[in-house]
N, C-alpha and C. Protein backbone atom coordinates (compact mmCIF):
# COMPACT_ATOMS: atom_id res chain seq x y z
N UNK A 1 82.78 106.63 102.16
CA UNK A 1 82.14 107.33 101.07
C UNK A 1 83.03 107.25 99.83
N UNK A 2 82.43 107.00 98.72
CA UNK A 2 83.18 106.88 97.47
C UNK A 2 83.73 108.24 97.05
N UNK A 3 84.90 108.21 96.44
CA UNK A 3 85.51 109.45 95.96
C UNK A 3 84.99 109.82 94.59
N UNK A 4 84.38 108.89 93.88
CA UNK A 4 83.82 109.16 92.56
C UNK A 4 82.31 109.32 92.69
N UNK A 5 81.77 110.20 91.85
CA UNK A 5 80.32 110.40 91.83
C UNK A 5 79.91 110.81 90.42
N UNK A 6 78.64 111.13 90.27
CA UNK A 6 78.15 111.55 88.97
C UNK A 6 78.78 112.86 88.51
N UNK A 7 79.30 113.63 89.44
CA UNK A 7 79.95 114.89 89.06
C UNK A 7 81.44 114.72 88.74
N UNK A 8 81.97 113.53 88.89
CA UNK A 8 83.37 113.28 88.55
C UNK A 8 83.57 113.40 87.05
N UNK A 9 84.69 113.97 86.66
CA UNK A 9 84.98 114.11 85.24
C UNK A 9 85.42 112.76 84.68
N UNK A 10 85.37 112.64 83.36
CA UNK A 10 85.84 111.41 82.71
C UNK A 10 87.30 111.15 83.05
N UNK A 11 88.10 112.21 83.11
CA UNK A 11 89.52 112.07 83.45
C UNK A 11 89.70 111.55 84.87
N UNK A 12 88.87 111.99 85.81
CA UNK A 12 88.95 111.51 87.19
C UNK A 12 88.56 110.05 87.29
N UNK A 13 87.54 109.66 86.55
CA UNK A 13 87.11 108.26 86.55
C UNK A 13 88.20 107.37 85.95
N UNK A 14 88.77 107.80 84.84
CA UNK A 14 89.85 107.04 84.20
C UNK A 14 91.05 106.93 85.12
N UNK A 15 91.39 108.01 85.81
CA UNK A 15 92.53 107.99 86.74
C UNK A 15 92.26 107.04 87.90
N UNK A 16 91.05 107.04 88.43
CA UNK A 16 90.71 106.13 89.52
C UNK A 16 90.78 104.68 89.07
N UNK A 17 90.33 104.41 87.85
CA UNK A 17 90.39 103.07 87.28
C UNK A 17 91.85 102.59 87.21
N UNK A 18 92.71 103.45 86.71
CA UNK A 18 94.12 103.08 86.55
C UNK A 18 94.85 103.03 87.90
N UNK A 19 94.60 104.01 88.77
CA UNK A 19 95.29 104.07 90.06
C UNK A 19 94.92 102.92 90.98
N UNK A 20 93.69 102.44 90.89
CA UNK A 20 93.22 101.40 91.80
C UNK A 20 93.25 100.00 91.21
N UNK A 21 93.73 99.87 89.99
CA UNK A 21 93.82 98.55 89.35
C UNK A 21 94.82 97.64 90.08
N UNK A 22 95.65 98.21 90.92
CA UNK A 22 96.66 97.44 91.65
C UNK A 22 96.15 96.95 93.01
N UNK A 23 94.82 96.90 93.19
CA UNK A 23 94.27 96.45 94.47
C UNK A 23 94.79 95.07 94.87
N UNK A 24 94.97 94.18 93.90
CA UNK A 24 95.42 92.82 94.19
C UNK A 24 96.86 92.82 94.68
N UNK A 25 97.73 93.52 93.96
CA UNK A 25 99.15 93.59 94.34
C UNK A 25 99.33 94.27 95.69
N UNK A 26 98.49 95.29 95.95
CA UNK A 26 98.59 96.04 97.20
C UNK A 26 97.77 95.40 98.32
N UNK A 27 97.00 94.35 97.98
CA UNK A 27 96.14 93.68 98.95
C UNK A 27 95.25 94.69 99.67
N UNK A 28 94.59 95.55 98.88
CA UNK A 28 93.84 96.67 99.42
C UNK A 28 92.35 96.59 99.11
N UNK A 29 91.52 96.30 100.13
CA UNK A 29 90.07 96.34 99.93
C UNK A 29 89.58 97.73 99.55
N UNK A 30 90.21 98.76 100.06
CA UNK A 30 89.82 100.13 99.73
C UNK A 30 90.01 100.40 98.24
N UNK A 31 91.15 99.97 97.70
CA UNK A 31 91.41 100.14 96.28
C UNK A 31 90.45 99.29 95.45
N UNK A 32 90.12 98.10 95.92
CA UNK A 32 89.19 97.24 95.20
C UNK A 32 87.82 97.90 95.09
N UNK A 33 87.35 98.50 96.18
CA UNK A 33 86.07 99.20 96.15
C UNK A 33 86.10 100.35 95.16
N UNK A 34 87.18 101.14 95.19
CA UNK A 34 87.31 102.28 94.28
C UNK A 34 87.39 101.80 92.83
N UNK A 35 88.07 100.67 92.60
CA UNK A 35 88.18 100.11 91.25
C UNK A 35 86.80 99.66 90.75
N UNK A 36 86.03 99.02 91.60
CA UNK A 36 84.69 98.57 91.23
C UNK A 36 83.82 99.78 90.87
N UNK A 37 83.90 100.83 91.66
CA UNK A 37 83.13 102.04 91.38
C UNK A 37 83.54 102.65 90.04
N UNK A 38 84.84 102.73 89.79
CA UNK A 38 85.33 103.29 88.53
C UNK A 38 84.85 102.44 87.35
N UNK A 39 84.90 101.12 87.47
CA UNK A 39 84.41 100.24 86.40
C UNK A 39 82.93 100.48 86.13
N UNK A 40 82.15 100.59 87.18
CA UNK A 40 80.71 100.80 87.04
C UNK A 40 80.42 102.10 86.31
N UNK A 41 81.12 103.17 86.67
CA UNK A 41 80.92 104.46 86.01
C UNK A 41 81.37 104.39 84.56
N UNK A 42 82.50 103.75 84.30
CA UNK A 42 82.97 103.62 82.92
C UNK A 42 81.96 102.87 82.06
N UNK A 43 81.37 101.82 82.61
CA UNK A 43 80.39 101.04 81.85
C UNK A 43 79.16 101.87 81.49
N UNK A 44 78.80 102.80 82.34
CA UNK A 44 77.67 103.67 82.07
C UNK A 44 78.03 104.76 81.06
N UNK A 45 79.24 105.29 81.20
CA UNK A 45 79.63 106.44 80.38
C UNK A 45 80.18 106.10 79.01
N UNK A 46 80.87 104.99 78.88
CA UNK A 46 81.48 104.67 77.60
C UNK A 46 80.42 104.21 76.60
N UNK A 47 80.47 104.74 75.42
CA UNK A 47 79.51 104.30 74.41
C UNK A 47 79.89 102.92 73.88
N UNK A 48 78.90 102.18 73.47
CA UNK A 48 79.19 100.88 72.87
C UNK A 48 79.62 101.04 71.41
N UNK A 49 79.03 102.02 70.75
CA UNK A 49 79.32 102.24 69.34
C UNK A 49 79.45 103.73 69.08
N UNK A 50 80.44 104.09 68.28
CA UNK A 50 80.68 105.49 67.92
C UNK A 50 80.70 105.59 66.40
N UNK A 51 79.89 106.48 65.88
CA UNK A 51 79.91 106.77 64.45
C UNK A 51 80.61 108.10 64.25
N UNK A 52 81.57 108.12 63.38
CA UNK A 52 82.33 109.32 63.13
C UNK A 52 82.44 109.51 61.63
N UNK A 53 82.08 110.69 61.17
CA UNK A 53 82.20 110.94 59.74
C UNK A 53 83.15 112.10 59.51
N UNK A 54 84.04 111.90 58.58
CA UNK A 54 84.97 112.95 58.19
C UNK A 54 85.09 112.93 56.67
N UNK A 55 84.96 114.06 56.08
CA UNK A 55 85.07 114.19 54.62
C UNK A 55 84.04 113.31 53.90
N UNK A 56 82.88 113.18 54.48
CA UNK A 56 81.84 112.39 53.82
C UNK A 56 81.96 110.90 54.05
N UNK A 57 83.08 110.43 54.58
CA UNK A 57 83.25 109.00 54.86
C UNK A 57 82.74 108.71 56.27
N UNK A 58 82.12 107.60 56.45
CA UNK A 58 81.57 107.24 57.75
C UNK A 58 82.41 106.12 58.37
N UNK A 59 82.98 106.40 59.51
CA UNK A 59 83.75 105.39 60.25
C UNK A 59 82.96 104.99 61.48
N UNK A 60 82.97 103.73 61.79
CA UNK A 60 82.26 103.23 62.95
C UNK A 60 83.22 102.47 63.83
N UNK A 61 83.18 102.80 65.12
CA UNK A 61 84.03 102.12 66.10
C UNK A 61 83.11 101.44 67.11
N UNK A 62 83.36 100.17 67.36
CA UNK A 62 82.58 99.46 68.36
C UNK A 62 83.50 99.06 69.51
N UNK A 63 83.10 99.43 70.73
CA UNK A 63 83.89 99.12 71.91
C UNK A 63 83.36 97.86 72.56
N UNK A 64 84.26 97.01 73.00
CA UNK A 64 83.88 95.79 73.70
C UNK A 64 84.04 96.04 75.20
N UNK A 65 82.92 96.19 75.88
CA UNK A 65 82.94 96.52 77.30
C UNK A 65 83.00 95.27 78.19
N UNK A 66 83.08 94.09 77.58
CA UNK A 66 83.10 92.87 78.38
C UNK A 66 84.35 92.77 79.24
N UNK A 67 85.46 93.36 78.80
CA UNK A 67 86.68 93.32 79.61
C UNK A 67 86.50 94.09 80.91
N UNK A 68 85.89 95.25 80.84
CA UNK A 68 85.65 96.04 82.05
C UNK A 68 84.67 95.30 82.96
N UNK A 69 83.65 94.69 82.38
CA UNK A 69 82.69 93.92 83.19
C UNK A 69 83.39 92.76 83.88
N UNK A 70 84.28 92.07 83.18
CA UNK A 70 85.01 90.94 83.76
C UNK A 70 85.95 91.41 84.88
N UNK A 71 86.62 92.54 84.65
CA UNK A 71 87.51 93.08 85.68
C UNK A 71 86.73 93.48 86.92
N UNK A 72 85.54 94.06 86.73
CA UNK A 72 84.70 94.45 87.87
C UNK A 72 84.26 93.20 88.64
N UNK A 73 83.88 92.15 87.92
CA UNK A 73 83.45 90.92 88.59
C UNK A 73 84.59 90.28 89.37
N UNK A 74 85.79 90.27 88.79
CA UNK A 74 86.95 89.73 89.50
C UNK A 74 87.24 90.53 90.76
N UNK A 75 87.13 91.84 90.68
CA UNK A 75 87.36 92.69 91.85
C UNK A 75 86.30 92.42 92.92
N UNK A 76 85.06 92.21 92.50
CA UNK A 76 84.00 91.90 93.47
C UNK A 76 84.27 90.57 94.17
N UNK A 77 84.70 89.57 93.40
CA UNK A 77 85.01 88.27 93.99
C UNK A 77 86.18 88.39 94.97
N UNK A 78 87.21 89.13 94.57
CA UNK A 78 88.37 89.30 95.44
C UNK A 78 87.96 90.02 96.72
N UNK A 79 87.14 91.04 96.58
CA UNK A 79 86.71 91.81 97.75
C UNK A 79 85.86 90.96 98.69
N UNK A 80 85.02 90.10 98.14
CA UNK A 80 84.20 89.22 98.97
C UNK A 80 85.07 88.27 99.78
N UNK A 81 86.18 87.85 99.21
CA UNK A 81 87.07 86.92 99.90
C UNK A 81 88.09 87.61 100.79
N UNK A 82 88.44 88.85 100.47
CA UNK A 82 89.54 89.51 101.17
C UNK A 82 89.18 90.83 101.83
N UNK A 83 87.97 91.31 101.61
CA UNK A 83 87.59 92.61 102.15
C UNK A 83 87.29 92.55 103.63
N UNK A 84 87.42 93.68 104.25
CA UNK A 84 87.06 93.76 105.66
C UNK A 84 85.57 94.04 105.75
N UNK A 85 85.01 93.94 106.93
CA UNK A 85 83.58 94.20 107.11
C UNK A 85 83.30 95.68 107.29
N UNK A 86 84.33 96.51 107.39
CA UNK A 86 84.12 97.95 107.51
C UNK A 86 83.96 98.57 106.15
N UNK A 87 83.25 99.66 106.09
CA UNK A 87 83.11 100.38 104.83
C UNK A 87 82.15 99.75 103.85
N UNK A 88 81.30 98.84 104.31
CA UNK A 88 80.29 98.28 103.43
C UNK A 88 80.74 97.11 102.58
N UNK A 89 81.97 96.66 102.73
CA UNK A 89 82.44 95.53 101.94
C UNK A 89 82.03 94.23 102.59
N UNK A 90 81.81 93.23 101.81
CA UNK A 90 81.44 91.93 102.35
C UNK A 90 82.68 91.14 102.72
N UNK A 91 82.83 90.83 103.99
CA UNK A 91 83.98 90.07 104.43
C UNK A 91 83.77 88.58 104.21
N UNK A 92 84.83 87.84 104.37
CA UNK A 92 84.74 86.39 104.22
C UNK A 92 83.94 85.81 105.38
N UNK A 93 83.18 84.76 105.12
CA UNK A 93 82.38 84.12 106.15
C UNK A 93 83.26 83.10 106.86
N UNK A 94 83.20 83.13 108.18
CA UNK A 94 83.97 82.18 108.97
C UNK A 94 83.03 81.35 109.83
N UNK A 95 83.28 80.07 109.87
CA UNK A 95 82.46 79.17 110.66
C UNK A 95 83.32 78.60 111.78
N UNK A 96 82.74 78.53 112.96
CA UNK A 96 83.45 78.00 114.11
C UNK A 96 83.31 76.49 114.14
N UNK A 97 84.41 75.80 114.43
CA UNK A 97 84.41 74.36 114.54
C UNK A 97 84.57 74.01 116.01
N UNK A 98 83.51 73.49 116.62
CA UNK A 98 83.55 73.12 118.03
C UNK A 98 83.64 71.61 118.22
N UNK A 99 84.00 70.91 117.15
CA UNK A 99 84.13 69.46 117.30
C UNK A 99 85.28 69.16 118.27
N UNK A 100 85.05 68.23 119.13
CA UNK A 100 86.07 67.87 120.11
C UNK A 100 86.18 68.86 121.24
N UNK A 101 85.17 69.70 121.42
CA UNK A 101 85.20 70.74 122.46
C UNK A 101 85.35 70.14 123.85
N UNK A 102 84.65 69.05 124.13
CA UNK A 102 84.68 68.45 125.46
C UNK A 102 85.71 67.35 125.60
N UNK A 103 86.50 67.11 124.58
CA UNK A 103 87.50 66.04 124.66
C UNK A 103 88.65 66.42 125.54
């Protein structure tokens, strides 16, 4: 079961994103799953554009979410290749080679 949900605070989601970003170094499918979940929630919650006005001046900030999308995709690819079959992750496919079986 995922530790993040719709009731998670923004601070909890950000912490999970940062804490689990080391899935590759730690070789951890569990961290990769948590990182993917954190990325998905961030993509939903973060605004693409923010308009802020102060003292009559209008400032506009545009966020580029493509980096988070790319990081999520990389984590998914890594998990597909390195994840275990437990916990809903897709494990690597293995094919048996029986050539020369009767030799």
